Amino acid sequence: MFFFLVLCRGMQASKSENTKKAEPFYWLSVAKQKTCSEIIDEARNVLRTVGTRRPFTPTDGQRKLFGSGSLRGPQNRPPSVFSLHASSFDLAESRPVSGVRLSPLDHKPVLITSAKDEDSSVFLPKPPAEAAEVRKVSTARACLYRTSSLGSLFSAKVVLPDQNKEKLDSEEPAMMMNNLGRSNNNYLAEQRLYTPVNDKSRELIYNECISISESEDFMEGTSGKFSFQLRGESDQMKKPGTNSSWPRSSGWKRRVTGLEDGTRINEWEEEEVFWRIKILPILHELKKKDNIENLCLACTKLYQALNEGNMLGKHFKRRSELLKILYRLVDIDSDPLCLKLAKIILAMKVDGKNLLSVCKLAFKICRNEKNDYIVQNDRLLDCLLEVLRNEDLHKNNEALLYCVGAIKFMSGNAVLLNEMVNKGAVEMLLQLMKQINNVKENDTYFSNLGHLLVQLTATLRNLADLPPARCQLVCSGAASELCVALEQRVNDRDVCTYIVRILSKLSSYSDFCAALAACSRCYTLFLALLNKHQKQQDLVIRIVFILGNLTAKNNQAREQFFKEKESINTLTSLFQTYYELDLNAQTWYHDGEGKGKNHLKHPSEAEDVMIKLIRVLANLSIHPSVGATLAAAHRVVELLVTVLEYKSIDDCEELVINAATTINNLSYYQVESSVLQDKKLHIAEMLLKLLMSDNMDGVVEAVRVFGNLSQYHEVCDFIMQKKIYKFMIALLDSKNHDVCFSACGVLLNLTVDKNKGAFLMEEGGIGKLVDCLQDFGPADWQLSCLICKTLWNYSENFTSAASCFGGDTDTLLVLLTSLLDEKLVLDCNLDRERRDSHKLHWEREFKPVAEKLLDRIQSHHSFLPAVPITPFYS
């Protein structure tokens, strides 16, 4: 909508009204409270915001740690492609965690061989006499048993069951281990342990072989023998299938029913039994490397068995041996197998070099898009999120880099992306970002963490597409954290690009846009980035798009941005830069170097930036004080006019229409210093080109601007001279609400001059206005009101209704009478809210003007005085 002038002349009793200066028909409501009629039909507001498409981000053809557009050189970034072998893992690191690292003894233990040796300096404690003491000692030394060899499992005196007086020779644990590993014949060593409990003694016979190199022997075909039995229960224990399933809740702790006081088997012993019965058979299967499918199946069974025995994690006696076996299998080049291995190794809670290697292994698997299905089925995501949740940022920043990189690849899959949201990945990534933001620039880790931040923000960019993720990002304060990261990494273009891509997506939604606008420093930050990266189109266009979103609906945001130092100068400087780039591209095309190439249907990169920049200016101009200032800004107006001069609507429709819309907004402000007043005729000439185009959107926009400019006599004369009024009358036949409304507004301003009114009758304008009133009538009270105002202005100089309206007089009389019948017009099938609004428009806008026009037509007086019309506010 636009400015329309109506000459309000007073009744004969108030002749002073004849000297009143013509004023704009529409005023901007500032201090006055808006009514229902003022907020309805926002498309017809005097000042309008401008919409545009979000910048398009193409998907990288290949999954890489850093995208194809990254500025990080190969020498300044971690590699995306690497080879992994068993040697990539640290075998020494894989041993189980012990409580305290003890210093080695500086003497050799003395073994007790006779009674008198018991008084020697080396004391071996005797077994307690009471069962309660047995339990107490067993509990206190449980941890020691976990880190001791089986040879020193019990420190009580060992007595053979049939020779109670004969003592069992003891040997140092290390010596025992060496002896046990020498040959298959010596692989079994039997210890018969006798411990008195109260007055009734039972014998516990425990036969087992332990070797520190057991896993190596197993891989070479050695199968150890194992038996575990309680006297009186041996037959039951040997029954097939008895030990095929262990209770998971207790970590396979079985009650020994043969012990009188219900003493439980030591936890370490249980682990050994479970290892022999459940784990070793699976490791035998892993020995056969002839079939990948069988190896994968064995790995699946291994993971289930380890989980069943509560052996996942760090506190597992055989952890070192198991990991060595798994590391060797990495040499088999198979993604399905490596996926299984990675899942088990991650579940074993490795750290250091091994954590880095297994994260690289997961990264390598996820890098291949064809593996998405098996990754999804094997739930690798759970393991990686566990790493993300628990690992130390400073200690394992490189491992986290590949971990988040693998998650980033997964986020390219729709199924896995939804799974991430459901499993809390958004919160985890934001927590990691907060940790990174707490690292200062002078910290040694700062630079390396930038690589991690690229992976993290790229993943958040993908997550931002999902509504549940957007909700979590808003609730978790993502806007402020992203701004902090952006401010800290202003020199890292890769990080800046990913963050502004996130903000570009999220700022399209009102809730996040409000949260971002609440970050007071965001405008300063965006301006700093624009000044630093002026020629980086992919970065600039998204920042400007974000600014357009911030200023689209928030008047406070418009004012706040405008008050930032050099804000408008930054925008005009960018506009000049990309205008010159576009001009050079046009010269290249027209000089013939672009011959043979199809003309771009979509805006070029330079044009797209200018479109977004103009949108910001259009949105800013809605604020009263900001708009008045921009209307007086020579540089701003000159750039807008330049667009109309050098760019046709066929070249770039959106750019030209946005420029016309912004000129229309600025032309609203009637300030003395307005640059538009000085350039109004030149602008009218540029609009004439747009008006004559085949693009209806462009035509309507040009008519809207003419509606504002036609309040100036010079522009009215231009319209009459160039016969533009004929075009306006022709548009009344369009049967389109907005087109008819815009055209009628120009005609209204032209009829203010009593010397120009005759053109309506000559070109059949009266009949077309009456037809519009009949066509739209109650469906559009605003348009009906505008038609009546135009007819009122036109009829001022006529002495009879017949000579004024000709053959349309009777039709107009009947039509006005029917439209003023409240019962007939407002008796429509509308809900209550719409009916109330409908009635309000009719009462406030149409009825006062229509009644006076009807009275004038019916009066047949020789002089038809003008009646003041209450201005309509949109």
Foldseek 3Di string as FASTA:
>chain_A
DFWFWFQFQADPVCRVSNPDDIDTLFDDDDPDDDDPLQPPPVVPALFAFDDDDFDDDDDAPFQFLAGPPAPQDPVRADGRDDDAALVLDDLVQQAFDADDDDDDDPDDADWDDDPVCCPDPRHQDAADQEPVVVVVVLVVCLSVCLPADPLPNDSHWFADPVGRPHGDTHDDRVVLQVQCPPDLVSQKDWGWGWHHYHPDTFTFTFIDGDHPCVLVVVLVPDQTDGDGDGVVCRVVVPDPPPPVAAQQVVLRWDFDVVDPVRDTDRPNVRLVVLCNPQPSVLSNQCSDPPDPVSLLVSLVSNQVSCSSNVNFERSHRCRSSVLSSLSNVSNPPDLSNLLSSLQRQLRNVRDDSNLQSSLSSLLVSLSDVVNLVVCVVVVVVVSLVVCLQDPDCVRPVNSLSSSLSSVLSNLVDPVSLVVCLVVVVLVSLLVVLVVLLVDAPPDPCVSVVVSSLLSSLSSLLSNLVDPSSLVVCLVVLVLVSLLSVCVRVLVRVSNLLSSLSSLLSNLLDDSVLVSNLVPLCVLVSLLVSCVVPLPPLSNLLSSLSSLLSNLNPDLVSLVSNVPPPCSVVSLLVSLVVLVVVVVVVVCCCVVPVVPPPDQDPADDSSLSSLLSSLSSLSSSLSRPVSLQVLQLDPSNLVSLLVCLVPPDCNNPVSNVLSSLSSLSSSLNDPDPNGPCVVCVVVVLVSLVRQCPDPDVSSVLSSLNSLLSSLLDVVSLVVCVVVVVLLVLLVQLPVLDPSSVQSSLSNLLNNLSPQVRLVVCVVSVSLVSLLVSCVSCPLVDLPSNLSSLSSLLSSCQPAQALCVRNPPCLVVLLVSLVQSLPCCNSLPDPDDPVVSVSSVCSCVQRRNVSSVLSNCQNPVSGRGRGRHGDDRDYD
